[in-house]
Amino acid sequence: MATEIIDGEAVAKGMQEELKGTVEELKKNGTPVCLAAVQANDNPGSRIYVRSQKASCEGVGIDYRLVELAPDSSQDAVASEIQKLNEDKTVGGVILQMPVPPGVDARALQMSIASEKDVEGMTPANLGRVVYGNTQMSPCTALGAFLLARGLSMPPSYDPLPGFAKKMIEAGKTTANLYGKNVTVVGHSEIVGKPLALLFLDHFCTVTVCHIGTPAEKLIECCKKADILCAATGVPQVRWNAYRRAKKAGKKPSLPDFSFIKADMIKPGAAVIDIAINRVPKGFDKDGEPLKTKKGKAAMKTIGDVDFEAAKEVAGWITPVPGGVGPMTTTMLLRNTVNAAKALAGQE
């Protein structure tokens, strides 16, 4: 069968259209739908992200409020603003922009966001709810990646389906295309790998999680058996950063290999969900320096963990980077904000 490129942008756009209607209805009934962001930095990348967040919110009718603090703000100053937003009944969702000022504990601040307003799904309460199959406020990237996999027209693992599977499908607990699938998640972060594994487990998949402690030969073995392979490591970025540091130190490192998950690690016909986002050079000159743009800057590209061009010759389905999981992450943030507004109004 020909490989299907999973269009995350199209799926996200469809979901945003539905959210837009829900937001209109909530506002019509007098329910505020607002996402508040706390920013205490002057990081250019963070400011670009804030503008993108604002535009995404406005696209579906969500009000966006930015609380700007000095880049040298103290822990207490940032925590105080978060607490104000926790208590503000006109704000449904709260998000902390990264990076935070030097010496400030970002994790402690994130944990201080009220769980009912934690639209990134990162507090212990919301991560814990994933264990019970409650996805109202799940981690955005993990949920976005899972929904892309759930929406694929994969053949059932059983024919005919067992009676138990039929009951679970009828009850909306799983789908015929997910029940019994072998899933390998490469990467075990708190906000992607771990919750993603739980989401698949809840749908009766057999899940293997690989991480930095997994021997190379075992990683290959686990990837090859996967009907659904999810990669979320950022290894290419790590390799580029290490290479750059070595060059700066006057060493002569070998050119980095930016394809972490290779085509021969993929089961023919499998679904590949590439979650990682890495910024690496498009190529290198004879001296091992990144190729330059016309303006003299390093020519960079955005890639995932998977060798996309080779992998798409093997996989049955594959997400591109960019254009796959990324748009879904943003959409899940909007979705969680809408769910928070509903809960605030007593509708959930």
C-alpha atoms as a PDB file:
ATOM      1  CA  MET A   1       0.000   0.000   0.000  1.00  0.00           C
ATOM      2  CA  ALA A   2       1.115   3.578  -0.614  1.00  0.00           C
ATOM      3  CA  THR A   3       2.276   5.477   2.441  1.00  0.00           C
ATOM      4  CA  GLU A   4      -0.271   7.958   3.767  1.00  0.00           C
ATOM      5  CA  ILE A   5       1.204  11.251   4.967  1.00  0.00           C
ATOM      6  CA  ILE A   6      -0.779  12.223   8.066  1.00  0.00           C
ATOM      7  CA  ASP A   7      -1.885  15.831   7.633  1.00  0.00           C
ATOM      8  CA  GLY A   8      -1.909  17.168  11.186  1.00  0.00           C
ATOM      9  CA  GLU A   9      -2.698  20.669   9.971  1.00  0.00           C
ATOM     10  CA  ALA A  10      -5.916  19.515   8.290  1.00  0.00           C
ATOM     11  CA  VAL A  11      -7.035  17.509  11.332  1.00  0.00           C
ATOM     12  CA  ALA A  12      -6.231  20.435  13.629  1.00  0.00           C
ATOM     13  CA  LYS A  13      -8.121  22.868  11.417  1.00  0.00           C
ATOM     14  CA  GLY A  14     -11.226  20.681  11.536  1.00  0.00           C
ATOM     15  CA  MET A  15     -11.065  20.492  15.317  1.00  0.00           C
ATOM     16  CA  GLN A  16     -10.583  24.248  15.587  1.00  0.00           C
ATOM     17  CA  GLU A  17     -13.721  24.841  13.542  1.00  0.00           C
ATOM     18  CA  GLU A  18     -15.663  22.760  16.067  1.00  0.00           C
ATOM     19  CA  LEU A  19     -14.061  24.638  18.956  1.00  0.00           C
ATOM     20  CA  LYS A  20     -15.016  27.934  17.369  1.00  0.00           C
ATOM     21  CA  GLY A  21     -18.681  26.977  17.493  1.00  0.00           C
ATOM     22  CA  THR A  22     -18.386  25.856  21.114  1.00  0.00           C
ATOM     23  CA  VAL A  23     -16.693  29.125  22.123  1.00  0.00           C
ATOM     24  CA  GLU A  24     -19.454  31.146  20.449  1.00  0.00           C
ATOM     25  CA  GLU A  25     -22.095  29.183  22.351  1.00  0.00           C
ATOM     26  CA  LEU A  26     -20.294  29.590  25.679  1.00  0.00           C
ATOM     27  CA  LYS A  27     -19.929  33.335  25.218  1.00  0.00           C
ATOM     28  CA  LYS A  28     -23.544  33.628  24.136  1.00  0.00           C
ATOM     29  CA  ASN A  29     -24.478  32.093  27.490  1.00  0.00           C
ATOM     30  CA  GLY A  30     -22.262  34.543  29.375  1.00  0.00           C
ATOM     31  CA  THR A  31     -19.361  32.150  30.045  1.00  0.00           C
ATOM     32  CA  PRO A  32     -15.913  33.787  29.658  1.00  0.00           C
ATOM     33  CA  VAL A  33     -13.412  31.820  27.593  1.00  0.00           C
ATOM     34  CA  CYS A  34      -9.968  33.225  28.328  1.00  0.00           C
ATOM     35  CA  LEU A  35      -6.393  31.973  28.291  1.00  0.00           C
ATOM     36  CA  ALA A  36      -3.897  33.959  30.379  1.00  0.00           C
ATOM     37  CA  ALA A  37      -0.155  33.653  29.820  1.00  0.00           C
ATOM     38  CA  VAL A  38       2.509  34.746  32.304  1.00  0.00           C
ATOM     39  CA  GLN A  39       5.782  35.829  30.710  1.00  0.00           C
ATOM     40  CA  ALA A  40       8.888  36.883  32.647  1.00  0.00           C
ATOM     41  CA  ASN A  41      11.551  36.936  29.945  1.00  0.00           C
ATOM     42  CA  ASP A  42      12.739  38.871  26.925  1.00  0.00           C
ATOM     43  CA  ASN A  43      13.515  35.757  24.919  1.00  0.00           C
ATOM     44  CA  PRO A  44      12.827  36.328  21.176  1.00  0.00           C
ATOM     45  CA  GLY A  45      11.620  32.771  20.651  1.00  0.00           C
ATOM     46  CA  SER A  46       9.224  33.030  23.577  1.00  0.00           C
ATOM     47  CA  ARG A  47       7.804  36.282  22.247  1.00  0.00           C
ATOM     48  CA  ILE A  48       7.218  34.705  18.834  1.00  0.00           C
ATOM     49  CA  TYR A  49       5.430  31.833  20.587  1.00  0.00           C
ATOM     50  CA  VAL A  50       3.261  34.293  22.517  1.00  0.00           C
ATOM     51  CA  ARG A  51       2.209  36.013  19.288  1.00  0.00           C
ATOM     52  CA  SER A  52       1.400  32.636  17.762  1.00  0.00           C
ATOM     53  CA  GLN A  53      -0.627  31.642  20.839  1.00  0.00           C
ATOM     54  CA  LYS A  54      -2.580  34.878  20.697  1.00  0.00           C
ATOM     55  CA  ALA A  55      -3.361  34.436  17.003  1.00  0.00           C
ATOM     56  CA  SER A  56      -4.468  30.828  17.548  1.00  0.00           C
ATOM     57  CA  CYS A  57      -6.762  31.849  20.389  1.00  0.00           C
ATOM     58  CA  GLU A  58      -8.275  34.707  18.423  1.00  0.00           C
ATOM     59  CA  GLY A  59      -8.843  32.328  15.503  1.00  0.00           C
ATOM     60  CA  VAL A  60     -11.419  30.380  17.522  1.00  0.00           C
ATOM     61  CA  GLY A  61     -12.701  33.316  19.588  1.00  0.00           C
ATOM     62  CA  ILE A  62     -10.784  32.681  22.812  1.00  0.00           C
ATOM     63  CA  ASP A  63      -9.748  35.843  24.668  1.00  0.00           C
ATOM     64  CA  TYR A  64      -5.992  36.017  25.280  1.00  0.00           C
ATOM     65  CA  ARG A  65      -4.428  37.887  28.171  1.00  0.00           C
ATOM     66  CA  LEU A  66      -0.671  38.361  28.520  1.00  0.00           C
ATOM     67  CA  VAL A  67       0.772  39.190  31.929  1.00  0.00           C
ATOM     68  CA  GLU A  68       4.266  40.582  31.303  1.00  0.00           C
ATOM     69  CA  LEU A  69       6.792  40.658  34.143  1.00  0.00           C
ATOM     70  CA  ALA A  70      10.405  41.833  34.269  1.00  0.00           C
ATOM     71  CA  PRO A  71      12.995  39.292  33.036  1.00  0.00           C
ATOM     72  CA  ASP A  72      14.644  39.433  36.471  1.00  0.00           C
ATOM     73  CA  SER A  73      11.435  38.793  38.435  1.00  0.00           C
ATOM     74  CA  SER A  74      11.692  36.752  41.624  1.00  0.00           C
ATOM     75  CA  GLN A  75      10.020  33.429  42.349  1.00  0.00           C
ATOM     76  CA  ASP A  76       7.539  35.140  44.641  1.00  0.00           C
ATOM     77  CA  ALA A  77       6.669  37.813  42.076  1.00  0.00           C
ATOM     78  CA  VAL A  78       5.816  35.266  39.382  1.00  0.00           C
ATOM     79  CA  ALA A  79       3.998  33.024  41.870  1.00  0.00           C
ATOM     80  CA  SER A  80       1.928  36.004  43.019  1.00  0.00           C
ATOM     81  CA  GLU A  81       0.704  36.701  39.479  1.00  0.00           C
ATOM     82  CA  ILE A  82      -0.183  33.048  38.960  1.00  0.00           C
ATOM     83  CA  GLN A  83      -2.163  33.058  42.189  1.00  0.00           C
ATOM     84  CA  LYS A  84      -4.100  36.136  41.040  1.00  0.00           C
ATOM     85  CA  LEU A  85      -5.034  34.327  37.841  1.00  0.00           C
ATOM     86  CA  ASN A  86      -5.981  31.201  39.808  1.00  0.00           C
ATOM     87  CA  GLU A  87      -8.508  33.324  41.695  1.00  0.00           C
ATOM     88  CA  ASP A  88      -9.753  35.297  38.675  1.00  0.00           C
ATOM     89  CA  LYS A  89     -13.135  33.863  37.651  1.00  0.00           C
ATOM     90  CA  THR A  90     -12.916  35.440  34.207  1.00  0.00           C
ATOM     91  CA  VAL A  91      -9.838  33.350  33.364  1.00  0.00           C
ATOM     92  CA  GLY A  92     -10.327  29.705  32.424  1.00  0.00           C
ATOM     93  CA  GLY A  93      -6.771  28.716  31.533  1.00  0.00           C
ATOM     94  CA  VAL A  94      -3.310  29.708  32.759  1.00  0.00           C
ATOM     95  CA  ILE A  95       0.028  29.007  31.093  1.00  0.00           C
ATOM     96  CA  LEU A  96       3.583  29.871  32.131  1.00  0.00           C
ATOM     97  CA  GLN A  97       5.869  30.904  29.268  1.00  0.00           C
ATOM     98  CA  MET A  98       9.422  29.602  29.156  1.00  0.00           C
ATOM     99  CA  PRO A  99      12.147  30.388  29.926  1.00  0.00           C
ATOM    100  CA  VAL A 100      11.735  31.777  33.434  1.00  0.00           C
ATOM    101  CA  PRO A 101      14.256  34.163  35.068  1.00  0.00           C
ATOM    102  CA  PRO A 102      17.591  32.725  36.315  1.00  0.00           C
ATOM    103  CA  GLY A 103      17.256  31.127  39.727  1.00  0.00           C
ATOM    104  CA  VAL A 104      13.478  30.700  39.430  1.00  0.00           C
ATOM    105  CA  ASP A 105      12.045  27.189  39.812  1.00  0.00           C
ATOM    106  CA  ALA A 106       9.870  26.700  36.719  1.00  0.00           C
ATOM    107  CA  ARG A 107       8.475  23.363  37.846  1.00  0.00           C
ATOM    108  CA  ALA A 108       7.347  24.769  41.192  1.00  0.00           C
ATOM    109  CA  LEU A 109       5.581  27.608  39.386  1.00  0.00           C
ATOM    110  CA  GLN A 110       3.860  25.228  36.994  1.00  0.00           C
ATOM    111  CA  MET A 111       2.719  23.100  39.919  1.00  0.00           C
ATOM    112  CA  SER A 112       1.209  26.222  41.516  1.00  0.00           C
ATOM    113  CA  ILE A 113      -1.251  26.677  38.646  1.00  0.00           C
ATOM    114  CA  ALA A 114      -4.700  25.517  39.771  1.00  0.00           C
ATOM    115  CA  SER A 115      -5.330  22.088  38.247  1.00  0.00           C
ATOM    116  CA  GLU A 116      -8.683  23.220  36.821  1.00  0.00           C
ATOM    117  CA  LYS A 117      -6.848  26.001  34.952  1.00  0.00           C
ATOM    118  CA  ASP A 118      -3.785  23.966  33.989  1.00  0.00           C
ATOM    119  CA  VAL A 119      -4.432  23.886  30.245  1.00  0.00           C
ATOM    120  CA  GLU A 120      -1.041  22.317  29.515  1.00  0.00           C
ATOM    121  CA  GLY A 121      -2.075  19.302  31.602  1.00  0.00           C
ATOM    122  CA  MET A 122       1.189  19.279  33.552  1.00  0.00           C
ATOM    123  CA  THR A 123       0.088  19.369  37.191  1.00  0.00           C
ATOM    124  CA  PRO A 124       0.074  16.104  39.183  1.00  0.00           C
ATOM    125  CA  ALA A 125      -3.730  16.142  39.355  1.00  0.00           C
ATOM    126  CA  ASN A 126      -4.159  16.311  35.572  1.00  0.00           C
ATOM    127  CA  LEU A 127      -1.398  13.811  34.846  1.00  0.00           C
ATOM    128  CA  GLY A 128      -3.009  11.523  37.395  1.00  0.00           C
ATOM    129  CA  ARG A 129      -6.383  11.782  35.669  1.00  0.00           C
ATOM    130  CA  VAL A 130      -4.822  10.332  32.513  1.00  0.00           C
ATOM    131  CA  VAL A 131      -4.270   7.099  34.462  1.00  0.00           C
ATOM    132  CA  TYR A 132      -8.041   6.859  34.820  1.00  0.00           C
ATOM    133  CA  GLY A 133      -8.707   7.648  31.173  1.00  0.00           C
ATOM    134  CA  ASN A 134      -9.827  11.215  31.866  1.00  0.00           C
ATOM    135  CA  THR A 135      -8.492  13.402  29.049  1.00  0.00           C
ATOM    136  CA  GLN A 136     -10.313  16.635  29.826  1.00  0.00           C
ATOM    137  CA  MET A 137      -7.008  18.412  30.599  1.00  0.00           C
ATOM    138  CA  SER A 138      -4.367  16.053  29.214  1.00  0.00           C
ATOM    139  CA  PRO A 139      -0.825  17.094  28.180  1.00  0.00           C
ATOM    140  CA  CYS A 140      -1.274  18.787  24.817  1.00  0.00           C
ATOM    141  CA  THR A 141       1.397  17.095  22.699  1.00  0.00           C
ATOM    142  CA  ALA A 142       0.699  13.607  24.016  1.00  0.00           C
ATOM    143  CA  LEU A 143      -3.040  13.926  23.406  1.00  0.00           C
ATOM    144  CA  GLY A 144      -2.541  15.469  19.971  1.00  0.00           C
ATOM    145  CA  ALA A 145      -0.250  12.635  18.886  1.00  0.00           C
ATOM    146  CA  PHE A 146      -2.645  10.028  20.263  1.00  0.00           C
ATOM    147  CA  LEU A 147      -5.651  11.488  18.448  1.00  0.00           C
ATOM    148  CA  LEU A 148      -3.769  11.386  15.138  1.00  0.00           C
ATOM    149  CA  ALA A 149      -3.044   7.682  15.680  1.00  0.00           C
ATOM    150  CA  ARG A 150      -6.607   6.970  16.793  1.00  0.00           C
ATOM    151  CA  GLY A 151      -7.979   8.541  13.619  1.00  0.00           C
ATOM    152  CA  LEU A 152      -6.081   6.262  11.241  1.00  0.00           C
ATOM    153  CA  SER A 153      -7.896   3.560   9.283  1.00  0.00           C
ATOM    154  CA  MET A 154      -5.651   0.746  10.465  1.00  0.00           C
ATOM    155  CA  PRO A 155      -6.882  -2.836  10.031  1.00  0.00           C
ATOM    156  CA  PRO A 156      -8.041  -4.562  13.246  1.00  0.00           C
ATOM    157  CA  SER A 157      -5.578  -6.813  15.054  1.00  0.00           C
ATOM    158  CA  TYR A 158      -8.293  -9.460  15.421  1.00  0.00           C
ATOM    159  CA  ASP A 159     -10.766 -10.894  12.925  1.00  0.00           C
ATOM    160  CA  PRO A 160     -13.314 -11.479  14.255  1.00  0.00           C
ATOM    161  CA  LEU A 161     -12.973  -9.129  17.219  1.00  0.00           C
ATOM    162  CA  PRO A 162     -13.206 -10.798  20.646  1.00  0.00           C
ATOM    163  CA  GLY A 163     -16.448 -10.273  22.548  1.00  0.00           C
ATOM    164  CA  PHE A 164     -14.706  -8.123  25.151  1.00  0.00           C
ATOM    165  CA  ALA A 165     -13.310  -5.870  22.419  1.00  0.00           C
ATOM    166  CA  LYS A 166     -16.768  -5.429  20.897  1.00  0.00           C
ATOM    167  CA  LYS A 167     -18.172  -4.406  24.283  1.00  0.00           C
ATOM    168  CA  MET A 168     -15.380  -1.867  24.829  1.00  0.00           C
ATOM    169  CA  ILE A 169     -15.831  -0.437  21.333  1.00  0.00           C
ATOM    170  CA  GLU A 170     -19.597  -0.141  21.819  1.00  0.00           C
ATOM    171  CA  ALA A 171     -18.970   1.620  25.139  1.00  0.00           C
ATOM    172  CA  GLY A 172     -16.579   4.066  23.452  1.00  0.00           C
ATOM    173  CA  LYS A 173     -13.595   2.778  25.449  1.00  0.00           C
ATOM    174  CA  THR A 174     -11.510   1.991  22.364  1.00  0.00           C
ATOM    175  CA  THR A 175     -11.710   1.609  18.584  1.00  0.00           C
ATOM    176  CA  ALA A 176     -11.395  -1.407  16.326  1.00  0.00           C
ATOM    177  CA  ASN A 177      -8.218  -0.023  14.782  1.00  0.00           C
ATOM    178  CA  LEU A 178      -6.467   0.446  18.171  1.00  0.00           C
ATOM    179  CA  TYR A 179      -7.569  -2.600  20.167  1.00  0.00           C
ATOM    180  CA  GLY A 180      -4.686  -5.063  20.515  1.00  0.00           C
ATOM    181  CA  LYS A 181      -2.105  -3.002  18.629  1.00  0.00           C
ATOM    182  CA  ASN A 182       1.581  -3.169  19.565  1.00  0.00           C
ATOM    183  CA  VAL A 183       2.733   0.364  20.349  1.00  0.00           C
ATOM    184  CA  THR A 184       6.297   1.501  20.985  1.00  0.00           C
ATOM    185  CA  VAL A 185       6.887   4.931  22.483  1.00  0.00           C
ATOM    186  CA  VAL A 186      10.477   6.143  22.228  1.00  0.00           C
ATOM    187  CA  GLY A 187      10.996   8.789  24.918  1.00  0.00           C
ATOM    188  CA  HIS A 188       9.623   8.832  28.464  1.00  0.00           C
ATOM    189  CA  SER A 189       9.199  12.488  29.402  1.00  0.00           C
ATOM    190  CA  GLU A 190       6.518  13.476  31.901  1.00  0.00           C
ATOM    191  CA  ILE A 191       4.573  15.553  29.374  1.00  0.00           C
ATOM    192  CA  VAL A 192       4.842  13.375  26.250  1.00  0.00           C
ATOM    193  CA  GLY A 193       6.170   9.820  26.519  1.00  0.00           C
ATOM    194  CA  LYS A 194       4.627   8.736  29.820  1.00  0.00           C
ATOM    195  CA  PRO A 195       1.117  10.153  29.283  1.00  0.00           C
ATOM    196  CA  LEU A 196       1.135   8.977  25.661  1.00  0.00           C
ATOM    197  CA  ALA A 197       1.855   5.424  26.829  1.00  0.00           C
ATOM    198  CA  LEU A 198      -1.047   5.672  29.291  1.00  0.00           C
ATOM    199  CA  LEU A 199      -3.417   6.900  26.583  1.00  0.00           C
ATOM    200  CA  PHE A 200      -2.631   3.880  24.409  1.00  0.00           C
ATOM    201  CA  LEU A 201      -2.869   1.509  27.381  1.00  0.00           C
ATOM    202  CA  ASP A 202      -6.330   2.851  28.131  1.00  0.00           C
ATOM    203  CA  HIS A 203      -7.362   1.759  24.634  1.00  0.00           C
ATOM    204  CA  PHE A 204      -6.112  -1.795  25.175  1.00  0.00           C
ATOM    205  CA  CYS A 205      -2.878  -1.500  23.208  1.00  0.00           C
ATOM    206  CA  THR A 206       0.238  -3.415  24.255  1.00  0.00           C
ATOM    207  CA  VAL A 207       2.729  -0.651  25.007  1.00  0.00           C
ATOM    208  CA  THR A 208       6.524  -0.673  25.195  1.00  0.00           C
ATOM    209  CA  VAL A 209       8.388   2.449  26.325  1.00  0.00           C
ATOM    210  CA  CYS A 210      12.034   2.964  25.329  1.00  0.00           C
ATOM    211  CA  HIS A 211      14.311   5.656  26.744  1.00  0.00           C
ATOM    212  CA  ILE A 212      17.926   6.636  27.298  1.00  0.00           C
ATOM    213  CA  GLY A 213      18.507   3.459  29.316  1.00  0.00           C
ATOM    214  CA  THR A 214      17.315   1.148  26.533  1.00  0.00           C
ATOM    215  CA  PRO A 215      20.242  -0.665  24.835  1.00  0.00           C
ATOM    216  CA  ALA A 216      20.559   0.111  21.126  1.00  0.00           C
ATOM    217  CA  GLU A 217      19.795  -3.447  20.033  1.00  0.00           C
ATOM    218  CA  LYS A 218      16.720  -3.551  22.270  1.00  0.00           C
ATOM    219  CA  LEU A 219      15.503  -0.232  20.862  1.00  0.00           C
ATOM    220  CA  ILE A 220      15.691  -1.613  17.334  1.00  0.00           C
ATOM    221  CA  GLU A 221      13.860  -4.780  18.391  1.00  0.00           C
ATOM    222  CA  CYS A 222      11.054  -2.810  20.073  1.00  0.00           C
ATOM    223  CA  CYS A 223      10.644  -0.454  17.120  1.00  0.00           C
ATOM    224  CA  LYS A 224      10.477  -3.287  14.606  1.00  0.00           C
ATOM    225  CA  LYS A 225       7.582  -4.998  16.399  1.00  0.00           C
ATOM    226  CA  ALA A 226       5.462  -1.835  16.663  1.00  0.00           C
ATOM    227  CA  ASP A 227       2.223  -1.447  14.727  1.00  0.00           C
ATOM    228  CA  ILE A 228       2.314   2.156  15.930  1.00  0.00           C
ATOM    229  CA  LEU A 229       5.718   3.755  16.528  1.00  0.00           C
ATOM    230  CA  CYS A 230       5.850   7.079  18.369  1.00  0.00           C
ATOM    231  CA  ALA A 231       9.161   8.961  18.571  1.00  0.00           C
ATOM    232  CA  ALA A 232       9.634  11.821  21.026  1.00  0.00           C
ATOM    233  CA  THR A 233      13.304  12.146  21.990  1.00  0.00           C
ATOM    234  CA  GLY A 234      14.947  15.172  20.367  1.00  0.00           C
ATOM    235  CA  VAL A 235      18.135  13.147  19.827  1.00  0.00           C
ATOM    236  CA  PRO A 236      19.045  14.989  16.568  1.00  0.00           C
ATOM    237  CA  GLN A 237      18.986  18.275  18.506  1.00  0.00           C
ATOM    238  CA  VAL A 238      21.193  16.795  21.213  1.00  0.00           C
ATOM    239  CA  ARG A 239      23.656  15.560  18.587  1.00  0.00           C
ATOM    240  CA  TRP A 240      23.777  18.961  16.871  1.00  0.00           C
ATOM    241  CA  ASN A 241      24.299  20.776  20.176  1.00  0.00           C
ATOM    242  CA  ALA A 242      27.106  18.387  21.152  1.00  0.00           C
ATOM    243  CA  TYR A 243      28.775  18.785  17.751  1.00  0.00           C
ATOM    244  CA  ARG A 244      28.583  22.567  17.988  1.00  0.00           C
ATOM    245  CA  ARG A 245      30.138  22.569  21.469  1.00  0.00           C
ATOM    246  CA  ALA A 246      32.944  20.293  20.316  1.00  0.00           C
ATOM    247  CA  LYS A 247      33.726  22.527  17.332  1.00  0.00           C
ATOM    248  CA  LYS A 248      33.727  25.588  19.562  1.00  0.00           C
ATOM    249  CA  ALA A 249      36.216  23.855  21.845  1.00  0.00           C
ATOM    250  CA  GLY A 250      38.588  23.345  18.916  1.00  0.00           C
ATOM    251  CA  LYS A 251      37.942  19.621  18.508  1.00  0.00           C
ATOM    252  CA  LYS A 252      37.314  17.775  15.235  1.00  0.00           C
ATOM    253  CA  PRO A 253      34.157  15.733  15.806  1.00  0.00           C
ATOM    254  CA  SER A 254      32.576  13.496  13.183  1.00  0.00           C
ATOM    255  CA  LEU A 255      29.598  14.978  11.382  1.00  0.00           C
ATOM    256  CA  PRO A 256      26.413  14.234  13.355  1.00  0.00           C
ATOM    257  CA  ASP A 257      23.840  11.726  12.114  1.00  0.00           C
ATOM    258  CA  PHE A 258      20.471  13.465  12.363  1.00  0.00           C
ATOM    259  CA  SER A 259      18.354  10.400  11.521  1.00  0.00           C
ATOM    260  CA  PHE A 260      17.728   8.696  14.866  1.00  0.00           C
ATOM    261  CA  ILE A 261      14.874   6.366  13.880  1.00  0.00           C
ATOM    262  CA  LYS A 262      15.922   4.787  10.597  1.00  0.00           C
ATOM    263  CA  ALA A 263      13.789   3.053   7.978  1.00  0.00           C
ATOM    264  CA  ASP A 264      15.124  -0.414   8.821  1.00  0.00           C
ATOM    265  CA  MET A 265      13.838   0.027  12.389  1.00  0.00           C
ATOM    266  CA  ILE A 266      10.228   0.326  11.174  1.00  0.00           C
ATOM    267  CA  LYS A 267       7.790  -2.539  10.678  1.00  0.00           C
ATOM    268  CA  PRO A 268       6.470  -2.476   7.089  1.00  0.00           C
ATOM    269  CA  GLY A 269       3.033  -0.881   7.040  1.00  0.00           C
ATOM    270  CA  ALA A 270       3.320   0.554  10.558  1.00  0.00           C
ATOM    271  CA  ALA A 271       2.021   3.964  11.610  1.00  0.00           C
ATOM    272  CA  VAL A 272       4.857   6.333  12.538  1.00  0.00           C
ATOM    273  CA  ILE A 273       4.034   9.323  14.726  1.00  0.00           C
ATOM    274  CA  ASP A 274       7.072  11.620  14.841  1.00  0.00           C
ATOM    275  CA  ILE A 275       6.612  14.030  17.747  1.00  0.00           C
ATOM    276  CA  ALA A 276      10.081  15.581  18.077  1.00  0.00           C
ATOM    277  CA  ILE A 277      11.001  19.017  16.757  1.00  0.00           C
ATOM    278  CA  ASN A 278      14.698  19.651  16.068  1.00  0.00           C
ATOM    279  CA  ARG A 279      16.448  22.591  14.419  1.00  0.00           C
ATOM    280  CA  VAL A 280      19.601  21.392  12.668  1.00  0.00           C
ATOM    281  CA  PRO A 281      21.786  22.497   9.739  1.00  0.00           C
ATOM    282  CA  LYS A 282      20.702  21.659   6.208  1.00  0.00           C
ATOM    283  CA  GLY A 283      24.228  20.526   5.493  1.00  0.00           C
ATOM    284  CA  PHE A 284      27.938  21.106   6.130  1.00  0.00           C
ATOM    285  CA  ASP A 285      30.873  22.425   4.104  1.00  0.00           C
ATOM    286  CA  LYS A 286      34.238  20.705   3.742  1.00  0.00           C
ATOM    287  CA  ASP A 287      35.405  22.168   7.059  1.00  0.00           C
ATOM    288  CA  GLY A 288      32.425  20.773   8.940  1.00  0.00           C
ATOM    289  CA  GLU A 289      30.748  24.164   9.276  1.00  0.00           C
ATOM    290  CA  PRO A 290      27.013  24.575   8.589  1.00  0.00           C
ATOM    291  CA  LEU A 291      26.110  25.757   5.093  1.00  0.00           C
ATOM    292  CA  LYS A 292      25.195  29.436   5.011  1.00  0.00           C
ATOM    293  CA  THR A 293      22.230  31.389   3.691  1.00  0.00           C
ATOM    294  CA  LYS A 294      22.682  34.386   1.366  1.00  0.00           C
ATOM    295  CA  LYS A 295      22.698  36.548   4.490  1.00  0.00           C
ATOM    296  CA  GLY A 296      25.606  34.591   5.942  1.00  0.00           C
ATOM    297  CA  LYS A 297      23.634  32.792   8.627  1.00  0.00           C
ATOM    298  CA  ALA A 298      23.563  29.025   9.157  1.00  0.00           C
ATOM    299  CA  ALA A 299      20.996  27.405   6.865  1.00  0.00           C
ATOM    300  CA  MET A 300      18.739  25.434   9.200  1.00  0.00           C
ATOM    301  CA  LYS A 301      15.845  23.003   8.806  1.00  0.00           C
ATOM    302  CA  THR A 302      13.197  21.555  11.116  1.00  0.00           C
ATOM    303  CA  ILE A 303      13.143  17.763  11.418  1.00  0.00           C
ATOM    304  CA  GLY A 304      11.822  15.098  13.758  1.00  0.00           C
ATOM    305  CA  ASP A 305      13.469  11.970  15.157  1.00  0.00           C
ATOM    306  CA  VAL A 306      12.646   9.862  12.097  1.00  0.00           C
ATOM    307  CA  ASP A 307      14.470   9.705   8.772  1.00  0.00           C
ATOM    308  CA  PHE A 308      11.303  10.824   6.980  1.00  0.00           C
ATOM    309  CA  GLU A 309      12.295  10.357   3.343  1.00  0.00           C
ATOM    310  CA  ALA A 310      13.496   6.780   3.891  1.00  0.00           C
ATOM    311  CA  ALA A 311      10.796   5.891   6.431  1.00  0.00           C
ATOM    312  CA  LYS A 312       7.919   6.859   4.155  1.00  0.00           C
ATOM    313  CA  GLU A 313       9.011   4.076   1.787  1.00  0.00           C
ATOM    314  CA  VAL A 314       8.362   1.538   4.564  1.00  0.00           C
ATOM    315  CA  ALA A 315       5.613   2.907   6.811  1.00  0.00           C
ATOM    316  CA  GLY A 316       1.904   2.705   6.083  1.00  0.00           C
ATOM    317  CA  TRP A 317       1.264   6.087   7.721  1.00  0.00           C
ATOM    318  CA  ILE A 318       3.694   8.782   8.836  1.00  0.00           C
ATOM    319  CA  THR A 319       3.539  12.309  10.216  1.00  0.00           C
ATOM    320  CA  PRO A 320       5.725  14.988   8.620  1.00  0.00           C
ATOM    321  CA  VAL A 321       7.765  17.462  10.654  1.00  0.00           C
ATOM    322  CA  PRO A 322       6.631  20.190  10.550  1.00  0.00           C
ATOM    323  CA  GLY A 323       2.932  19.781   9.791  1.00  0.00           C
ATOM    324  CA  GLY A 324       2.145  16.664  11.797  1.00  0.00           C
ATOM    325  CA  VAL A 325       1.880  16.655  15.579  1.00  0.00           C
ATOM    326  CA  GLY A 326       2.840  20.345  15.975  1.00  0.00           C
ATOM    327  CA  PRO A 327      -0.512  21.829  14.845  1.00  0.00           C
ATOM    328  CA  MET A 328      -2.294  19.302  17.057  1.00  0.00           C
ATOM    329  CA  THR A 329      -0.369  20.496  20.123  1.00  0.00           C
ATOM    330  CA  THR A 330      -1.647  24.032  19.624  1.00  0.00           C
ATOM    331  CA  THR A 331      -5.178  22.769  19.042  1.00  0.00           C
ATOM    332  CA  MET A 332      -5.114  20.693  22.237  1.00  0.00           C
ATOM    333  CA  LEU A 333      -4.148  23.837  24.159  1.00  0.00           C
ATOM    334  CA  LEU A 334      -7.222  25.555  22.734  1.00  0.00           C
ATOM    335  CA  ARG A 335      -9.364  22.495  23.473  1.00  0.00           C
ATOM    336  CA  ASN A 336      -8.172  22.355  27.073  1.00  0.00           C
ATOM    337  CA  THR A 337      -8.925  26.063  27.466  1.00  0.00           C
ATOM    338  CA  VAL A 338     -12.469  25.503  26.243  1.00  0.00           C
ATOM    339  CA  ASN A 339     -12.860  22.540  28.632  1.00  0.00           C
ATOM    340  CA  ALA A 340     -11.594  24.728  31.484  1.00  0.00           C
ATOM    341  CA  ALA A 341     -14.177  27.379  30.629  1.00  0.00           C
ATOM    342  CA  LYS A 342     -16.928  24.737  30.621  1.00  0.00           C
ATOM    343  CA  ALA A 343     -15.814  23.448  34.016  1.00  0.00           C
ATOM    344  CA  LEU A 344     -15.727  26.998  35.361  1.00  0.00           C
ATOM    345  CA  ALA A 345     -19.338  27.375  34.269  1.00  0.00           C
ATOM    346  CA  GLY A 346     -20.303  24.037  35.787  1.00  0.00           C
ATOM    347  CA  GLN A 347     -20.916  22.399  32.407  1.00  0.00           C
ATOM    348  CA  GLU A 348     -18.462  19.501  32.839  1.00  0.00           C
END
